[in-house]
N, C-alpha and C. Protein backbone atom coordinates (compact mmCIF):
# COMPACT_ATOMS: atom_id res chain seq x y z
N MET A 1 0.83 -1.25 -0.06
CA MET A 1 -0.02 -0.03 -0.03
C MET A 1 0.86 1.27 0.08
N LYS A 2 2.01 1.22 0.73
CA LYS A 2 2.84 2.40 0.72
C LYS A 2 3.54 2.71 -0.53
N LYS A 3 3.82 1.64 -1.24
CA LYS A 3 4.40 1.91 -2.61
C LYS A 3 3.34 2.45 -3.56
N GLN A 4 2.12 2.18 -3.41
CA GLN A 4 1.19 2.85 -4.28
C GLN A 4 1.01 4.30 -3.96
N ALA A 5 1.17 4.64 -2.67
CA ALA A 5 0.98 6.00 -2.32
C ALA A 5 2.10 6.84 -2.62
N ILE A 6 3.31 6.30 -2.86
CA ILE A 6 4.58 7.15 -3.14
C ILE A 6 4.52 7.70 -4.47
N PHE A 7 4.01 7.00 -5.56
CA PHE A 7 3.89 7.53 -6.91
C PHE A 7 3.09 8.75 -6.97
N PRO A 8 1.71 8.73 -6.43
CA PRO A 8 0.93 10.03 -6.49
C PRO A 8 1.46 11.08 -5.82
N TRP A 9 2.12 10.89 -4.60
CA TRP A 9 2.69 11.99 -3.86
C TRP A 9 3.93 12.57 -4.67
N GLY A 10 4.69 11.73 -5.34
CA GLY A 10 5.71 12.25 -6.19
C GLY A 10 5.30 12.97 -7.33
N MET A 11 4.12 12.75 -7.91
CA MET A 11 3.58 13.39 -9.11
C MET A 11 3.10 14.82 -8.64
N ILE A 12 2.46 14.83 -7.32
CA ILE A 12 1.89 16.06 -6.89
C ILE A 12 3.14 16.96 -6.60
N PHE A 13 4.31 16.46 -6.02
CA PHE A 13 5.46 17.21 -5.68
C PHE A 13 5.99 17.84 -6.90
N CYS A 14 6.21 17.18 -8.02
CA CYS A 14 6.74 17.54 -9.27
C CYS A 14 5.81 18.63 -9.87
N LEU A 15 4.49 18.50 -9.72
CA LEU A 15 3.59 19.44 -10.40
C LEU A 15 3.55 20.82 -9.40
N ALA A 16 3.89 20.57 -8.15
CA ALA A 16 3.83 21.87 -7.39
C ALA A 16 5.10 22.63 -7.57
N ILE A 17 6.21 22.00 -7.97
CA ILE A 17 7.39 22.76 -8.23
C ILE A 17 7.31 23.56 -9.54
N ALA A 18 6.70 23.15 -10.57
CA ALA A 18 6.71 23.82 -11.79
C ALA A 18 6.36 25.41 -11.61
N PRO A 19 5.21 25.64 -11.00
CA PRO A 19 4.87 27.06 -10.86
C PRO A 19 5.93 27.85 -10.18
N VAL A 20 6.65 27.27 -9.21
CA VAL A 20 7.61 28.05 -8.50
C VAL A 20 8.80 28.32 -9.36
N TYR A 21 9.28 27.54 -10.20
CA TYR A 21 10.34 27.76 -11.18
C TYR A 21 9.85 28.66 -12.31
N GLY A 22 8.60 28.55 -12.62
CA GLY A 22 8.11 29.31 -13.82
C GLY A 22 8.18 30.81 -13.57
N GLN A 23 8.20 31.28 -12.41
CA GLN A 23 8.25 32.76 -12.11
C GLN A 23 9.50 33.43 -12.52
N TYR A 24 10.51 32.66 -12.77
CA TYR A 24 11.79 33.29 -13.14
C TYR A 24 11.91 33.47 -14.66
N TYR A 25 10.98 33.02 -15.42
CA TYR A 25 10.97 33.09 -16.91
C TYR A 25 9.98 34.23 -17.23
N GLU A 26 10.35 34.91 -18.33
CA GLU A 26 9.47 36.02 -18.75
C GLU A 26 9.13 35.71 -20.26
N ASN A 27 7.97 36.16 -20.51
CA ASN A 27 7.39 35.98 -21.91
C ASN A 27 8.10 37.28 -22.70
N VAL A 28 9.08 36.91 -23.61
CA VAL A 28 9.57 37.97 -24.41
C VAL A 28 9.15 37.74 -25.81
N LYS A 29 8.69 38.80 -26.42
CA LYS A 29 8.19 38.75 -27.79
C LYS A 29 9.44 39.10 -28.67
N PRO A 30 9.77 38.24 -29.50
CA PRO A 30 10.98 38.49 -30.41
C PRO A 30 10.63 39.66 -31.36
N HIS A 31 11.67 40.46 -31.58
CA HIS A 31 11.60 41.51 -32.48
C HIS A 31 12.48 41.33 -33.66
N ALA A 32 12.21 41.78 -34.88
CA ALA A 32 13.04 41.63 -35.90
C ALA A 32 14.30 42.22 -35.88
N MET A 33 15.35 41.48 -36.07
CA MET A 33 16.79 41.93 -36.04
C MET A 33 17.15 42.12 -37.48
N VAL A 34 17.80 43.39 -37.79
CA VAL A 34 18.21 43.71 -39.15
C VAL A 34 19.71 43.36 -39.22
N GLU A 35 20.15 42.52 -40.23
CA GLU A 35 21.39 42.22 -40.40
C GLU A 35 22.13 43.37 -41.03
N LYS A 36 23.50 43.72 -40.56
CA LYS A 36 24.21 44.78 -41.15
C LYS A 36 25.40 44.26 -41.67
N VAL A 37 25.96 44.96 -42.67
CA VAL A 37 27.29 44.57 -43.26
C VAL A 37 28.21 45.72 -43.14
N THR A 38 29.35 45.29 -42.49
CA THR A 38 30.36 46.33 -42.40
C THR A 38 31.71 45.80 -43.04
N ARG A 39 32.37 46.70 -43.75
CA ARG A 39 33.64 46.37 -44.38
C ARG A 39 34.71 47.09 -43.72
N LEU A 40 35.69 46.56 -43.29
CA LEU A 40 36.92 47.24 -42.63
C LEU A 40 38.18 47.03 -43.45
N HIS A 41 39.02 47.93 -43.39
CA HIS A 41 40.41 47.87 -43.95
C HIS A 41 41.45 48.42 -43.00
N PHE A 42 42.40 47.58 -42.68
CA PHE A 42 43.50 48.12 -41.68
C PHE A 42 44.67 47.10 -41.96
N PHE A 43 45.82 47.40 -41.15
CA PHE A 43 46.96 46.66 -41.23
C PHE A 43 47.33 46.16 -39.89
N TYR A 44 47.85 44.96 -39.85
CA TYR A 44 48.14 44.18 -38.62
C TYR A 44 49.67 43.95 -38.60
N HIS A 45 50.27 44.09 -37.52
CA HIS A 45 51.78 44.01 -37.48
C HIS A 45 52.09 43.00 -36.33
N ASP A 46 52.89 41.98 -36.82
CA ASP A 46 53.21 40.76 -35.83
C ASP A 46 54.75 40.93 -35.66
N ILE A 47 55.16 41.14 -34.41
CA ILE A 47 56.65 41.50 -34.15
C ILE A 47 57.16 40.43 -33.11
N PRO A 48 57.54 39.36 -33.50
CA PRO A 48 58.06 38.54 -32.41
C PRO A 48 59.56 38.71 -31.94
N VAL A 49 60.26 39.51 -32.45
CA VAL A 49 61.71 39.87 -32.04
C VAL A 49 61.88 41.39 -31.94
N GLY A 50 62.83 41.75 -31.19
CA GLY A 50 63.29 43.17 -31.15
C GLY A 50 63.12 43.62 -29.74
N ASN A 51 63.19 44.98 -29.62
CA ASN A 51 63.15 45.63 -28.16
C ASN A 51 61.69 45.54 -27.66
N ASN A 52 60.75 45.63 -28.46
CA ASN A 52 59.25 45.58 -28.02
C ASN A 52 58.61 44.53 -28.75
N PRO A 53 58.71 43.29 -28.56
CA PRO A 53 57.95 42.27 -29.23
C PRO A 53 56.31 42.33 -28.87
N THR A 54 55.67 41.97 -29.98
CA THR A 54 54.15 42.04 -29.69
C THR A 54 53.67 40.51 -29.62
N THR A 55 54.58 39.59 -30.06
CA THR A 55 54.27 38.13 -30.06
C THR A 55 55.39 37.44 -29.24
N LEU A 56 54.88 36.60 -28.28
CA LEU A 56 55.82 35.76 -27.35
C LEU A 56 55.64 34.41 -27.50
N LEU A 57 56.66 33.57 -27.63
CA LEU A 57 56.62 32.16 -27.53
C LEU A 57 56.26 31.83 -26.11
N ILE A 58 55.15 31.18 -25.92
CA ILE A 58 54.80 30.76 -24.50
C ILE A 58 54.98 29.18 -24.21
N ALA A 59 55.04 28.45 -25.26
CA ALA A 59 55.22 26.98 -25.03
C ALA A 59 55.73 26.47 -26.31
N HIS A 60 56.66 25.47 -26.26
CA HIS A 60 57.05 24.83 -27.50
C HIS A 60 57.43 23.33 -27.14
N ALA A 61 57.58 22.50 -28.28
CA ALA A 61 57.90 21.19 -28.12
C ALA A 61 59.51 21.06 -27.82
N ASN A 62 59.82 20.05 -27.22
CA ASN A 62 61.31 19.92 -26.91
C ASN A 62 62.18 20.06 -28.07
N ILE A 63 61.80 19.78 -29.24
CA ILE A 63 62.57 19.93 -30.54
C ILE A 63 62.62 21.29 -30.96
N THR A 64 61.98 22.27 -30.46
CA THR A 64 61.86 23.64 -30.89
C THR A 64 62.82 24.41 -30.07
N ASP A 65 63.92 24.91 -30.56
CA ASP A 65 64.88 25.75 -29.76
C ASP A 65 64.53 27.20 -29.61
N ASN A 66 64.16 27.84 -30.71
CA ASN A 66 63.73 29.28 -30.69
C ASN A 66 62.56 29.48 -31.73
N PHE A 67 62.41 30.71 -32.25
CA PHE A 67 61.26 30.94 -33.03
C PHE A 67 61.24 30.21 -34.34
N PHE A 68 62.52 29.97 -34.95
CA PHE A 68 62.57 29.15 -36.16
C PHE A 68 63.38 27.94 -36.28
N SER A 69 64.00 27.50 -35.22
CA SER A 69 64.98 26.39 -35.28
C SER A 69 64.50 25.24 -34.61
N PRO A 70 64.49 24.04 -34.99
CA PRO A 70 64.62 23.66 -36.55
C PRO A 70 63.26 24.18 -37.12
N SER A 71 62.18 23.98 -36.64
CA SER A 71 60.96 24.60 -37.14
C SER A 71 60.10 24.98 -35.96
N PRO A 72 59.13 25.83 -36.28
CA PRO A 72 58.22 26.26 -35.12
C PRO A 72 57.06 25.34 -34.82
N TYR A 73 57.05 24.10 -35.36
CA TYR A 73 56.02 23.13 -35.29
C TYR A 73 55.83 22.86 -33.87
N GLY A 74 54.43 22.98 -33.55
CA GLY A 74 54.04 22.71 -32.04
C GLY A 74 54.11 23.97 -31.09
N SER A 75 54.69 25.10 -31.59
CA SER A 75 54.85 26.12 -30.71
C SER A 75 53.63 27.02 -30.59
N LEU A 76 53.49 27.48 -29.37
CA LEU A 76 52.20 28.28 -28.97
C LEU A 76 52.67 29.75 -28.66
N TYR A 77 52.01 30.52 -29.33
CA TYR A 77 52.47 32.05 -29.17
C TYR A 77 51.16 32.86 -28.69
N ALA A 78 51.54 33.79 -27.84
CA ALA A 78 50.54 34.81 -27.32
C ALA A 78 50.93 36.07 -28.12
N MET A 79 49.80 36.79 -28.49
CA MET A 79 50.11 38.08 -29.24
C MET A 79 49.06 39.21 -28.81
N ASN A 80 49.65 40.39 -28.89
CA ASN A 80 49.08 41.54 -28.69
C ASN A 80 49.46 42.61 -29.74
N ASP A 81 49.12 42.31 -31.01
CA ASP A 81 49.60 43.04 -32.03
C ASP A 81 48.76 44.24 -32.47
N PRO A 82 49.48 45.42 -32.78
CA PRO A 82 48.82 46.61 -33.24
C PRO A 82 48.13 46.54 -34.55
N LEU A 83 47.03 47.19 -34.62
CA LEU A 83 46.34 47.42 -35.86
C LEU A 83 46.46 48.95 -36.21
N THR A 84 46.81 49.16 -37.42
CA THR A 84 47.08 50.54 -37.84
C THR A 84 46.21 50.90 -39.14
N VAL A 85 46.09 52.29 -39.38
CA VAL A 85 45.40 52.75 -40.60
C VAL A 85 46.22 52.43 -41.73
N GLY A 86 47.60 52.58 -41.72
CA GLY A 86 48.44 52.45 -42.95
C GLY A 86 49.47 51.30 -42.86
N PRO A 87 50.14 50.91 -43.84
CA PRO A 87 51.00 49.90 -43.84
C PRO A 87 52.25 49.90 -42.88
N ASP A 88 52.57 51.18 -42.49
CA ASP A 88 53.80 51.28 -41.69
C ASP A 88 53.44 51.28 -40.14
N LEU A 89 54.25 50.66 -39.41
CA LEU A 89 54.02 50.53 -38.02
C LEU A 89 53.81 51.77 -37.17
N THR A 90 54.39 52.87 -37.94
CA THR A 90 54.53 54.26 -37.26
C THR A 90 53.09 54.96 -37.70
N SER A 91 52.18 54.49 -38.51
CA SER A 91 50.94 55.09 -38.78
C SER A 91 49.99 54.88 -37.54
N THR A 92 48.81 55.64 -37.69
CA THR A 92 47.83 55.68 -36.62
C THR A 92 47.37 54.41 -36.16
N VAL A 93 47.52 54.08 -34.83
CA VAL A 93 47.15 52.82 -34.25
C VAL A 93 45.61 52.98 -34.02
N ILE A 94 44.75 52.00 -34.45
CA ILE A 94 43.36 52.03 -34.13
C ILE A 94 42.91 51.00 -33.21
N GLY A 95 43.72 50.05 -32.91
CA GLY A 95 43.33 48.98 -32.01
C GLY A 95 44.43 47.82 -31.91
N ASN A 96 44.07 46.61 -31.46
CA ASN A 96 45.04 45.58 -31.33
C ASN A 96 44.32 44.26 -31.47
N ALA A 97 45.24 43.30 -31.95
CA ALA A 97 44.69 41.90 -32.09
C ALA A 97 45.27 41.21 -30.93
N GLN A 98 44.58 40.64 -30.00
CA GLN A 98 44.97 39.90 -28.86
C GLN A 98 44.60 38.54 -28.91
N GLY A 99 45.44 37.56 -28.77
CA GLY A 99 44.97 36.20 -28.85
C GLY A 99 46.13 35.16 -28.88
N MET A 100 46.06 34.07 -29.51
CA MET A 100 47.20 33.09 -29.70
C MET A 100 47.09 32.35 -31.00
N TYR A 101 48.16 31.71 -31.35
CA TYR A 101 48.22 30.86 -32.30
C TYR A 101 49.26 29.78 -32.05
N ILE A 102 48.93 28.66 -32.84
CA ILE A 102 49.93 27.52 -32.64
C ILE A 102 50.35 27.15 -34.09
N ALA A 103 51.67 27.06 -34.19
CA ALA A 103 52.38 26.74 -35.49
C ALA A 103 52.28 25.29 -35.82
N LEU A 104 51.93 24.98 -37.03
CA LEU A 104 51.57 23.57 -37.45
C LEU A 104 52.39 23.11 -38.61
N SER A 105 53.44 23.89 -38.99
CA SER A 105 54.29 23.44 -40.23
C SER A 105 55.49 22.60 -39.71
N HIS A 106 55.80 21.58 -40.30
CA HIS A 106 57.10 20.80 -40.09
C HIS A 106 58.09 21.42 -40.88
N ASP A 107 57.89 22.08 -42.08
CA ASP A 107 58.73 22.72 -42.92
C ASP A 107 59.22 24.08 -42.43
N PRO A 108 60.48 24.35 -42.02
CA PRO A 108 60.88 25.68 -41.60
C PRO A 108 60.74 26.74 -42.55
N ALA A 109 60.62 26.47 -43.89
CA ALA A 109 60.47 27.39 -44.86
C ALA A 109 59.02 27.84 -45.14
N LYS A 110 58.15 27.25 -44.55
CA LYS A 110 56.58 27.51 -44.61
C LYS A 110 56.09 27.84 -43.36
N PHE A 111 55.00 28.49 -43.28
CA PHE A 111 54.21 28.76 -42.09
C PHE A 111 52.79 28.52 -42.30
N THR A 112 52.21 27.88 -41.35
CA THR A 112 50.80 27.59 -41.14
C THR A 112 50.57 27.54 -39.71
N ALA A 113 49.36 27.98 -39.19
CA ALA A 113 48.87 27.91 -37.90
C ALA A 113 47.35 28.04 -37.79
N ILE A 114 46.97 27.76 -36.50
CA ILE A 114 45.65 27.88 -36.24
C ILE A 114 45.63 29.07 -35.34
N PHE A 115 44.84 30.16 -35.70
CA PHE A 115 44.68 31.44 -35.05
C PHE A 115 43.47 31.51 -34.10
N TYR A 116 43.47 32.17 -33.04
CA TYR A 116 42.38 32.77 -32.36
C TYR A 116 42.75 34.10 -31.88
N ALA A 117 42.12 35.06 -32.31
CA ALA A 117 42.43 36.42 -32.05
C ALA A 117 41.05 37.25 -31.84
N ASP A 118 41.02 38.25 -30.98
CA ASP A 118 40.01 39.23 -30.78
C ASP A 118 40.61 40.53 -31.35
N PHE A 119 40.03 41.12 -32.43
CA PHE A 119 40.54 42.29 -32.96
C PHE A 119 39.61 43.46 -32.45
N GLY A 120 40.30 44.18 -31.39
CA GLY A 120 39.56 45.15 -30.71
C GLY A 120 39.96 46.54 -31.19
N PHE A 121 38.97 47.42 -31.34
CA PHE A 121 39.22 48.72 -31.83
C PHE A 121 39.07 49.75 -30.72
N THR A 122 40.03 50.72 -30.54
CA THR A 122 40.30 51.57 -29.47
C THR A 122 39.97 53.03 -29.83
N THR A 123 39.65 53.34 -31.11
CA THR A 123 39.53 54.62 -31.52
C THR A 123 38.40 54.72 -32.60
N GLY A 124 37.77 55.87 -32.97
CA GLY A 124 36.89 56.02 -34.09
C GLY A 124 35.53 55.37 -33.73
N ARG A 125 34.70 55.26 -34.75
CA ARG A 125 33.38 54.82 -34.82
C ARG A 125 33.19 53.47 -34.15
N PHE A 126 34.16 52.52 -34.12
CA PHE A 126 33.98 51.25 -33.56
C PHE A 126 34.77 51.07 -32.32
N ASN A 127 35.08 52.15 -31.70
CA ASN A 127 35.82 52.23 -30.32
C ASN A 127 35.00 51.44 -29.30
N GLY A 128 35.80 50.32 -28.72
CA GLY A 128 35.05 49.46 -27.76
C GLY A 128 34.48 48.25 -28.37
N SER A 129 34.38 48.07 -29.74
CA SER A 129 33.89 46.90 -30.32
C SER A 129 34.88 46.03 -30.81
N SER A 130 34.72 44.64 -31.00
CA SER A 130 35.67 43.79 -31.48
C SER A 130 34.96 42.68 -32.33
N PHE A 131 35.73 42.04 -33.05
CA PHE A 131 35.35 40.76 -33.73
C PHE A 131 36.39 39.58 -33.39
N SER A 132 35.89 38.43 -33.46
CA SER A 132 36.72 37.32 -33.21
C SER A 132 37.06 36.49 -34.50
N LEU A 133 38.25 36.21 -34.65
CA LEU A 133 38.86 35.36 -35.74
C LEU A 133 39.30 34.17 -35.14
N PHE A 134 38.78 33.04 -35.73
CA PHE A 134 39.25 31.73 -35.36
C PHE A 134 39.24 30.88 -36.49
N SER A 135 40.51 30.59 -37.11
CA SER A 135 40.53 29.97 -38.36
C SER A 135 42.03 29.43 -38.47
N ARG A 136 42.24 28.68 -39.49
CA ARG A 136 43.57 28.12 -39.97
C ARG A 136 44.15 29.24 -40.97
N TYR A 137 45.41 29.67 -40.66
CA TYR A 137 46.10 30.35 -41.63
C TYR A 137 46.84 29.37 -42.52
N PRO A 138 46.40 29.40 -43.89
CA PRO A 138 46.95 28.38 -44.83
C PRO A 138 48.33 28.36 -45.00
N PRO A 139 48.92 27.25 -45.50
CA PRO A 139 50.29 27.21 -45.56
C PRO A 139 50.89 28.24 -46.60
N THR A 140 51.97 28.91 -46.30
CA THR A 140 52.57 29.96 -47.04
C THR A 140 54.07 29.91 -46.61
N ASP A 141 54.87 30.47 -47.83
CA ASP A 141 56.26 30.78 -47.56
C ASP A 141 56.37 31.82 -46.44
N PHE A 142 57.52 31.78 -45.67
CA PHE A 142 57.80 32.88 -44.62
C PHE A 142 57.80 34.13 -45.38
N VAL A 143 58.26 34.33 -46.61
CA VAL A 143 58.20 35.49 -47.32
C VAL A 143 57.42 35.25 -48.46
N PRO A 144 55.93 35.43 -48.34
CA PRO A 144 55.01 34.99 -49.52
C PRO A 144 55.28 36.02 -50.59
N SER A 145 54.81 35.58 -51.70
CA SER A 145 54.99 36.36 -52.96
C SER A 145 53.88 37.51 -52.95
N PRO A 146 54.17 38.65 -53.45
CA PRO A 146 53.25 39.78 -53.38
C PRO A 146 52.00 39.43 -54.01
N GLY A 147 50.94 39.94 -53.43
CA GLY A 147 49.52 39.67 -54.06
C GLY A 147 48.97 38.45 -53.66
N THR A 148 49.77 37.42 -52.88
CA THR A 148 49.03 36.30 -52.47
C THR A 148 47.94 36.66 -51.33
N ILE A 149 46.78 36.23 -51.53
CA ILE A 149 45.68 36.61 -50.65
C ILE A 149 45.20 35.27 -49.96
N ARG A 150 45.20 35.55 -48.60
CA ARG A 150 44.59 34.31 -47.69
C ARG A 150 43.27 34.73 -47.21
N GLU A 151 42.46 33.75 -46.80
CA GLU A 151 41.13 33.87 -46.18
C GLU A 151 41.09 33.27 -44.82
N MET A 152 40.50 34.05 -43.94
CA MET A 152 40.29 33.46 -42.60
C MET A 152 38.81 33.73 -42.15
N ALA A 153 38.37 32.94 -41.20
CA ALA A 153 36.94 33.00 -40.77
C ALA A 153 36.67 33.93 -39.58
N ILE A 154 35.53 34.78 -39.60
CA ILE A 154 35.32 35.52 -38.49
C ILE A 154 34.07 34.71 -37.85
N VAL A 155 34.15 34.62 -36.48
CA VAL A 155 33.17 33.67 -35.73
C VAL A 155 32.41 34.44 -34.61
N GLY A 156 32.62 35.69 -34.44
CA GLY A 156 31.89 36.38 -33.43
C GLY A 156 32.33 37.71 -33.18
N GLY A 157 31.56 38.44 -32.41
CA GLY A 157 32.02 39.86 -32.08
C GLY A 157 31.18 40.41 -30.89
N ARG A 158 31.49 41.53 -30.52
CA ARG A 158 30.90 42.30 -29.48
C ARG A 158 30.69 43.69 -29.79
N GLY A 159 29.80 44.54 -28.95
CA GLY A 159 29.68 45.83 -29.28
C GLY A 159 28.97 46.10 -30.54
N ALA A 160 29.50 46.94 -31.48
CA ALA A 160 28.91 47.13 -32.76
C ALA A 160 28.88 45.92 -33.67
N PHE A 161 29.65 44.85 -33.27
CA PHE A 161 29.72 43.72 -34.15
C PHE A 161 29.15 42.60 -33.47
N ARG A 162 28.11 42.79 -32.66
CA ARG A 162 27.45 41.66 -31.86
C ARG A 162 27.01 40.60 -32.83
N MET A 163 27.28 39.38 -32.52
CA MET A 163 26.93 38.13 -33.34
C MET A 163 27.49 38.16 -34.68
N ALA A 164 28.80 38.66 -34.89
CA ALA A 164 29.32 38.86 -36.16
C ALA A 164 29.82 37.44 -36.84
N LYS A 165 29.64 37.47 -38.03
CA LYS A 165 30.26 36.23 -38.94
C LYS A 165 30.67 37.04 -40.15
N GLY A 166 31.66 36.26 -40.78
CA GLY A 166 32.15 36.87 -42.03
C GLY A 166 33.54 36.19 -42.33
N PHE A 167 34.34 37.01 -42.94
CA PHE A 167 35.66 36.56 -43.45
C PHE A 167 36.65 37.75 -43.48
N ALA A 168 37.90 37.41 -43.40
CA ALA A 168 38.94 38.35 -43.59
C ALA A 168 39.81 37.94 -44.73
N LEU A 169 40.18 38.82 -45.59
CA LEU A 169 41.13 38.51 -46.67
C LEU A 169 42.30 39.28 -46.27
N LEU A 170 43.43 38.67 -46.38
CA LEU A 170 44.66 39.24 -46.02
C LEU A 170 45.78 38.89 -46.92
N ARG A 171 46.77 39.82 -47.03
CA ARG A 171 47.85 39.60 -47.71
C ARG A 171 49.10 40.27 -47.02
N ALA A 172 50.24 39.63 -47.24
CA ALA A 172 51.48 40.16 -46.55
C ALA A 172 51.93 41.43 -47.33
N THR A 173 52.22 42.50 -46.58
CA THR A 173 52.73 43.82 -47.17
C THR A 173 54.21 43.81 -46.90
N SER A 174 54.69 43.21 -45.82
CA SER A 174 56.08 43.00 -45.61
C SER A 174 56.29 41.75 -44.71
N SER A 175 57.47 41.02 -44.86
CA SER A 175 57.66 39.95 -44.15
C SER A 175 59.21 39.67 -44.04
N ASN A 176 59.75 39.20 -42.87
CA ASN A 176 61.10 38.99 -42.70
C ASN A 176 61.34 37.72 -42.23
N ALA A 177 61.91 36.71 -43.05
CA ALA A 177 62.17 35.29 -42.66
C ALA A 177 63.10 35.17 -41.57
N THR A 178 64.09 36.00 -41.42
CA THR A 178 65.07 35.88 -40.43
C THR A 178 64.52 36.27 -39.00
N THR A 179 63.56 37.28 -38.93
CA THR A 179 63.06 37.76 -37.60
C THR A 179 61.65 37.22 -37.41
N GLY A 180 60.90 37.03 -38.36
CA GLY A 180 59.56 36.63 -38.24
C GLY A 180 58.69 37.86 -38.26
N ASN A 181 59.11 38.95 -38.34
CA ASN A 181 58.33 40.14 -38.21
C ASN A 181 57.49 40.22 -39.57
N ALA A 182 56.27 40.48 -39.48
CA ALA A 182 55.36 40.67 -40.56
C ALA A 182 54.27 41.60 -40.48
N SER A 183 53.97 42.29 -41.62
CA SER A 183 52.85 43.17 -41.67
C SER A 183 51.72 42.66 -42.69
N LEU A 184 50.53 42.69 -42.32
CA LEU A 184 49.56 42.14 -43.27
C LEU A 184 48.35 43.17 -43.46
N GLU A 185 47.93 43.23 -44.69
CA GLU A 185 46.71 43.96 -45.05
C GLU A 185 45.55 43.28 -44.74
N PHE A 186 44.53 43.72 -44.08
CA PHE A 186 43.34 43.12 -43.81
C PHE A 186 42.16 43.75 -44.52
N ASN A 187 41.31 43.04 -45.30
CA ASN A 187 40.07 43.43 -45.82
C ASN A 187 38.98 42.64 -45.14
N VAL A 188 38.22 43.18 -44.31
CA VAL A 188 37.29 42.31 -43.50
C VAL A 188 35.89 42.56 -43.88
N THR A 189 34.91 41.49 -44.08
CA THR A 189 33.62 41.80 -44.33
C THR A 189 32.88 41.04 -43.12
N LEU A 190 32.08 41.89 -42.32
CA LEU A 190 31.35 41.29 -41.26
C LEU A 190 29.94 41.55 -41.48
N TYR A 191 29.07 40.51 -41.16
CA TYR A 191 27.72 40.51 -41.04
C TYR A 191 27.33 40.38 -39.60
N HIS A 192 26.58 41.37 -39.06
CA HIS A 192 26.24 41.40 -37.76
C HIS A 192 25.02 42.22 -37.49
N TYR A 193 24.56 42.23 -36.27
CA TYR A 193 23.35 42.95 -35.82
C TYR A 193 23.53 44.01 -34.94
C-alpha cells in the first residue's frame, strides 16, 4: 500500500514545483533584427623579436629551440599586435589583435597555424567593439609572394559587431624570414546585428 501512495505524492510534488520555477521566466516577444554589413580595411603588425615584441613564444615542443629552429612546429604564441590605418607600424594605431596561435608546419620554410584572436578597436566609430577570428592560416612561404591573398573566418563579435560572422582577406605587405616580423593588410567583411 505504501508503494502505491509514493507515486501519487511524487507526481503532486513535481507538479507543485513547476509554478515556483516558472516565475523566473518572462514572456519575451521576439523583435525583428536587421542584419548589417560592415567592411573594414586596416593593417596588422606581428613582431616576435626586437626591443618591444608583440608576439611571445609561451610553449614549445622539446625539439623547438627558438622561433625558427629547427621549425616552429607545435609552438604556441601569445600576441598583442597593433592594428594601424596604414601599412607602416608608425601610422595611426586604431586597435590591437589579442590572442594566440599554434604553429603547425614541419617545414621551416613554410608557415601555417591555427589562429584565435580578438580584433579590438580603441578609436573611431567602432571604439570598444571587436570581432573574433578563429581560423587556420593556410600554408605559405615565410616570405610570401606579393599579391597572395589568404582567407580566414570571423566567428563572433561584441559591441557594434554583436553576433558577427564573415571573413577576412589578408595579404602580406612585408615579411622577414630571419626575424619573423610581418605586416598584413586586412580587408574584413562582417555580417552582424
